[in-house]
C-alpha atoms as a PDB file:
ATOM      1  CA  UNK A   1     -65.140 -54.903 -29.546  1.00  0.00           C
ATOM      2  CA  UNK A   2     -61.023 -53.980 -29.164  1.00  0.00           C
ATOM      3  CA  UNK A   3     -58.779 -56.778 -29.906  1.00  0.00           C
ATOM      4  CA  UNK A   4     -56.507 -57.711 -26.887  1.00  0.00           C
ATOM      5  CA  UNK A   5     -53.196 -58.864 -27.774  1.00  0.00           C
ATOM      6  CA  UNK A   6     -51.418 -61.557 -25.911  1.00  0.00           C
ATOM      7  CA  UNK A   7     -48.221 -60.224 -25.736  1.00  0.00           C
ATOM      8  CA  UNK A   8     -49.589 -56.521 -23.842  1.00  0.00           C
ATOM      9  CA  UNK A   9     -47.468 -55.785 -20.963  1.00  0.00           C
ATOM     10  CA  UNK A  10     -48.638 -54.134 -17.962  1.00  0.00           C
ATOM     11  CA  UNK A  11     -46.388 -51.132 -16.391  1.00  0.00           C
ATOM     12  CA  UNK A  12     -46.301 -49.367 -13.337  1.00  0.00           C
ATOM     13  CA  UNK A  13     -47.023 -50.613 -10.058  1.00  0.00           C
ATOM     14  CA  UNK A  14     -46.867 -49.380  -6.088  1.00  0.00           C
ATOM     15  CA  UNK A  15     -43.461 -47.979  -6.492  1.00  0.00           C
ATOM     16  CA  UNK A  16     -44.444 -46.057 -10.437  1.00  0.00           C
ATOM     17  CA  UNK A  17     -47.519 -44.669  -8.027  1.00  0.00           C
ATOM     18  CA  UNK A  18     -45.458 -43.538  -5.544  1.00  0.00           C
ATOM     19  CA  UNK A  19     -43.003 -41.885  -8.346  1.00  0.00           C
ATOM     20  CA  UNK A  20     -46.059 -40.288  -9.825  1.00  0.00           C
ATOM     21  CA  UNK A  21     -48.002 -38.686  -6.861  1.00  0.00           C
ATOM     22  CA  UNK A  22     -44.846 -37.423  -5.603  1.00  0.00           C
ATOM     23  CA  UNK A  23     -43.687 -35.742  -9.612  1.00  0.00           C
ATOM     24  CA  UNK A  24     -47.130 -34.278 -10.126  1.00  0.00           C
ATOM     25  CA  UNK A  25     -48.067 -33.083  -5.898  1.00  0.00           C
ATOM     26  CA  UNK A  26     -44.354 -31.716  -4.696  1.00  0.00           C
ATOM     27  CA  UNK A  27     -42.382 -29.143  -5.639  1.00  0.00           C
ATOM     28  CA  UNK A  28     -38.944 -28.919  -5.065  1.00  0.00           C
ATOM     29  CA  UNK A  29     -39.412 -25.700  -2.201  1.00  0.00           C
ATOM     30  CA  UNK A  30     -41.411 -28.387  -0.727  1.00  0.00           C
ATOM     31  CA  UNK A  31     -39.256 -30.720   0.029  1.00  0.00           C
ATOM     32  CA  UNK A  32     -36.196 -29.004   0.747  1.00  0.00           C
ATOM     33  CA  UNK A  33     -38.744 -27.584   3.451  1.00  0.00           C
ATOM     34  CA  UNK A  34     -40.154 -30.793   4.359  1.00  0.00           C
ATOM     35  CA  UNK A  35     -35.992 -32.425   4.829  1.00  0.00           C
ATOM     36  CA  UNK A  36     -35.163 -28.983   6.976  1.00  0.00           C
ATOM     37  CA  UNK A  37     -37.475 -29.632   8.981  1.00  0.00           C
ATOM     38  CA  UNK A  38     -37.516 -33.386   9.645  1.00  0.00           C
ATOM     39  CA  UNK A  39     -33.653 -32.563  10.490  1.00  0.00           C
ATOM     40  CA  UNK A  40     -35.221 -29.813  13.332  1.00  0.00           C
ATOM     41  CA  UNK A  41     -37.182 -31.878  14.974  1.00  0.00           C
ATOM     42  CA  UNK A  42     -35.059 -34.519  15.216  1.00  0.00           C
ATOM     43  CA  UNK A  43     -32.024 -31.940  16.544  1.00  0.00           C
ATOM     44  CA  UNK A  44     -33.900 -29.776  18.349  1.00  0.00           C
ATOM     45  CA  UNK A  45     -31.577 -30.014  20.901  1.00  0.00           C
ATOM     46  CA  UNK A  46     -28.869 -28.296  19.501  1.00  0.00           C
ATOM     47  CA  UNK A  47     -30.672 -25.261  19.124  1.00  0.00           C
ATOM     48  CA  UNK A  48     -28.954 -22.596  21.494  1.00  0.00           C
ATOM     49  CA  UNK A  49     -30.383 -21.898  24.585  1.00  0.00           C
ATOM     50  CA  UNK A  50     -30.493 -18.570  23.628  1.00  0.00           C
ATOM     51  CA  UNK A  51     -32.460 -19.484  20.185  1.00  0.00           C
ATOM     52  CA  UNK A  52     -35.055 -21.132  21.875  1.00  0.00           C
ATOM     53  CA  UNK A  53     -35.258 -18.379  24.710  1.00  0.00           C
ATOM     54  CA  UNK A  54     -35.984 -16.361  21.962  1.00  0.00           C
ATOM     55  CA  UNK A  55     -38.413 -18.227  20.525  1.00  0.00           C
ATOM     56  CA  UNK A  56     -40.699 -18.773  24.164  1.00  0.00           C
ATOM     57  CA  UNK A  57     -41.399 -14.256  23.720  1.00  0.00           C
ATOM     58  CA  UNK A  58     -44.138 -13.596  22.698  1.00  0.00           C
ATOM     59  CA  UNK A  59     -43.069 -12.471  19.342  1.00  0.00           C
ATOM     60  CA  UNK A  60     -41.477 -15.389  18.990  1.00  0.00           C
ATOM     61  CA  UNK A  61     -44.497 -17.308  19.413  1.00  0.00           C
ATOM     62  CA  UNK A  62     -46.710 -15.287  17.023  1.00  0.00           C
ATOM     63  CA  UNK A  63     -44.072 -15.679  14.401  1.00  0.00           C
ATOM     64  CA  UNK A  64     -43.838 -19.482  14.615  1.00  0.00           C
ATOM     65  CA  UNK A  65     -47.349 -19.891  14.307  1.00  0.00           C
ATOM     66  CA  UNK A  66     -47.416 -17.420  11.689  1.00  0.00           C
ATOM     67  CA  UNK A  67     -45.029 -19.551   9.991  1.00  0.00           C
ATOM     68  CA  UNK A  68     -47.127 -23.243  10.673  1.00  0.00           C
ATOM     69  CA  UNK A  69     -50.620 -21.125   9.383  1.00  0.00           C
ATOM     70  CA  UNK A  70     -48.702 -19.421   6.055  1.00  0.00           C
ATOM     71  CA  UNK A  71     -46.567 -22.741   5.283  1.00  0.00           C
ATOM     72  CA  UNK A  72     -49.416 -25.078   5.905  1.00  0.00           C
ATOM     73  CA  UNK A  73     -51.584 -22.931   3.545  1.00  0.00           C
ATOM     74  CA  UNK A  74     -48.821 -21.614   0.923  1.00  0.00           C
ATOM     75  CA  UNK A  75     -47.691 -25.009   0.655  1.00  0.00           C
ATOM     76  CA  UNK A  76     -48.727 -28.099   1.942  1.00  0.00           C
ATOM     77  CA  UNK A  77     -50.496 -29.514   5.550  1.00  0.00           C
ATOM     78  CA  UNK A  78     -48.398 -31.867   6.295  1.00  0.00           C
ATOM     79  CA  UNK A  79     -45.004 -29.410   5.845  1.00  0.00           C
ATOM     80  CA  UNK A  80     -47.560 -26.927   8.680  1.00  0.00           C
ATOM     81  CA  UNK A  81     -48.051 -30.173  10.816  1.00  0.00           C
ATOM     82  CA  UNK A  82     -44.521 -30.762  10.944  1.00  0.00           C
ATOM     83  CA  UNK A  83     -43.466 -26.844  11.425  1.00  0.00           C
ATOM     84  CA  UNK A  84     -46.096 -26.790  14.542  1.00  0.00           C
ATOM     85  CA  UNK A  85     -44.138 -29.942  16.060  1.00  0.00           C
ATOM     86  CA  UNK A  86     -41.349 -28.499  16.504  1.00  0.00           C
ATOM     87  CA  UNK A  87     -42.906 -25.772  17.801  1.00  0.00           C
ATOM     88  CA  UNK A  88     -43.821 -27.351  20.412  1.00  0.00           C
ATOM     89  CA  UNK A  89     -40.595 -29.166  20.922  1.00  0.00           C
ATOM     90  CA  UNK A  90     -38.732 -25.300  21.040  1.00  0.00           C
ATOM     91  CA  UNK A  91     -41.208 -23.974  23.233  1.00  0.00           C
ATOM     92  CA  UNK A  92     -40.893 -27.363  25.321  1.00  0.00           C
ATOM     93  CA  UNK A  93     -37.198 -27.079  25.836  1.00  0.00           C
ATOM     94  CA  UNK A  94     -36.977 -23.575  25.915  1.00  0.00           C
ATOM     95  CA  UNK A  95     -35.108 -22.561  29.321  1.00  0.00           C
ATOM     96  CA  UNK A  96     -37.122 -21.393  32.173  1.00  0.00           C
ATOM     97  CA  UNK A  97     -35.618 -19.682  35.251  1.00  0.00           C
ATOM     98  CA  UNK A  98     -37.595 -20.861  38.273  1.00  0.00           C
ATOM     99  CA  UNK A  99     -40.414 -23.209  38.848  1.00  0.00           C
ATOM    100  CA  UNK A 100     -43.846 -22.064  40.363  1.00  0.00           C
ATOM    101  CA  UNK A 101     -43.656 -23.093  44.191  1.00  0.00           C
ATOM    102  CA  UNK A 102     -40.288 -22.375  44.757  1.00  0.00           C
ATOM    103  CA  UNK A 103     -39.210 -19.397  46.874  1.00  0.00           C
ATOM    104  CA  UNK A 104     -36.260 -17.446  45.081  1.00  0.00           C
ATOM    105  CA  UNK A 105     -35.352 -14.862  48.209  1.00  0.00           C
ATOM    106  CA  UNK A 106     -34.008 -17.713  49.884  1.00  0.00           C
ATOM    107  CA  UNK A 107     -31.211 -20.681  48.638  1.00  0.00           C
ATOM    108  CA  UNK A 108     -31.191 -22.934  51.414  1.00  0.00           C
ATOM    109  CA  UNK A 109     -29.280 -25.623  50.307  1.00  0.00           C
ATOM    110  CA  UNK A 110     -29.410 -28.949  53.098  1.00  0.00           C
ATOM    111  CA  UNK A 111     -26.288 -31.166  52.600  1.00  0.00           C
ATOM    112  CA  UNK A 112     -27.752 -35.469  52.505  1.00  0.00           C
ATOM    113  CA  UNK A 113     -25.606 -37.486  54.608  1.00  0.00           C
ATOM    114  CA  UNK A 114     -25.204 -41.116  52.985  1.00  0.00           C
ATOM    115  CA  UNK A 115     -25.503 -43.453  55.852  1.00  0.00           C
ATOM    116  CA  UNK A 116     -28.991 -44.109  55.784  1.00  0.00           C
ATOM    117  CA  UNK A 117     -29.834 -43.423  52.201  1.00  0.00           C
ATOM    118  CA  UNK A 118     -33.920 -43.827  50.992  1.00  0.00           C
ATOM    119  CA  UNK A 119     -34.943 -46.885  49.573  1.00  0.00           C
ATOM    120  CA  UNK A 120     -35.205 -45.196  46.101  1.00  0.00           C
ATOM    121  CA  UNK A 121     -32.267 -43.968  46.011  1.00  0.00           C
ATOM    122  CA  UNK A 122     -30.711 -47.372  46.238  1.00  0.00           C
ATOM    123  CA  UNK A 123     -32.330 -49.187  44.177  1.00  0.00           C
ATOM    124  CA  UNK A 124     -31.597 -46.482  41.332  1.00  0.00           C
ATOM    125  CA  UNK A 125     -28.122 -46.036  42.606  1.00  0.00           C
ATOM    126  CA  UNK A 126     -28.346 -42.888  43.013  1.00  0.00           C
ATOM    127  CA  UNK A 127     -25.774 -40.372  45.004  1.00  0.00           C
ATOM    128  CA  UNK A 128     -27.288 -37.133  46.248  1.00  0.00           C
ATOM    129  CA  UNK A 129     -25.407 -34.550  48.015  1.00  0.00           C
ATOM    130  CA  UNK A 130     -28.136 -32.269  48.564  1.00  0.00           C
ATOM    131  CA  UNK A 131     -31.526 -31.331  47.862  1.00  0.00           C
ATOM    132  CA  UNK A 132     -32.814 -27.380  48.194  1.00  0.00           C
ATOM    133  CA  UNK A 133     -36.207 -27.775  49.626  1.00  0.00           C
ATOM    134  CA  UNK A 134     -37.216 -29.042  52.976  1.00  0.00           C
ATOM    135  CA  UNK A 135     -40.915 -27.811  52.994  1.00  0.00           C
ATOM    136  CA  UNK A 136     -43.305 -26.126  50.599  1.00  0.00           C
ATOM    137  CA  UNK A 137     -46.215 -23.924  51.233  1.00  0.00           C
ATOM    138  CA  UNK A 138     -49.110 -24.806  48.993  1.00  0.00           C
ATOM    139  CA  UNK A 139     -52.576 -23.014  49.226  1.00  0.00           C
ATOM    140  CA  UNK A 140     -55.973 -24.433  48.622  1.00  0.00           C
ATOM    141  CA  UNK A 141     -57.896 -23.243  45.507  1.00  0.00           C
ATOM    142  CA  UNK A 142     -60.236 -20.140  46.788  1.00  0.00           C
ATOM    143  CA  UNK A 143     -63.805 -19.817  45.218  1.00  0.00           C
ATOM    144  CA  UNK A 144     -64.350 -16.059  46.525  1.00  0.00           C
ATOM    145  CA  UNK A 145     -67.199 -15.348  43.740  1.00  0.00           C
ATOM    146  CA  UNK A 146     -70.908 -14.939  45.105  1.00  0.00           C
ATOM    147  CA  UNK A 147     -72.239 -16.718  42.927  1.00  0.00           C
ATOM    148  CA  UNK A 148     -73.744 -20.086  43.722  1.00  0.00           C
ATOM    149  CA  UNK A 149     -72.919 -23.242  40.837  1.00  0.00           C
ATOM    150  CA  UNK A 150     -75.083 -25.994  42.239  1.00  0.00           C
ATOM    151  CA  UNK A 151     -77.341 -28.523  40.345  1.00  0.00           C
ATOM    152  CA  UNK A 152     -80.130 -28.059  42.752  1.00  0.00           C
ATOM    153  CA  UNK A 153     -83.832 -27.816  41.388  1.00  0.00           C
ATOM    154  CA  UNK A 154     -84.306 -24.830  43.588  1.00  0.00           C
ATOM    155  CA  UNK A 155     -83.780 -21.312  42.252  1.00  0.00           C
ATOM    156  CA  UNK A 156     -81.702 -18.611  44.036  1.00  0.00           C
ATOM    157  CA  UNK A 157     -83.188 -15.400  44.721  1.00  0.00           C
END
């Protein structure tokens, strides 16, 4: 039976456990990658529009996706997750040319008179000077297939 001396002091605690995990699991390159990714995610709006436009191309998307997979397999899943988050943010902020329902052939801007503002404009204290689209043309979704997709018990001949 081992003897216990009354002067034994335990060492460690939560701080020591966390520092031990960091010392054993992380290499310096992972810490640098993680710090770079955190700063990139925080300051994603500071990237130039040209770089965001290149990232929105098919080659840019393939490169960013491949980078996320490579880093998560080579270094850690946390860094791969941060690269995926950075990819989504930079793609969501890439410049777009036009919206899908806008007609690029005509550019009819109508001037708004400020005599009778809409209620929302008065509440939000907005002061618009013009609007581009007065009417928007939409079409219903058409099913041109010849296959019936009903859930009835009868079978189609």
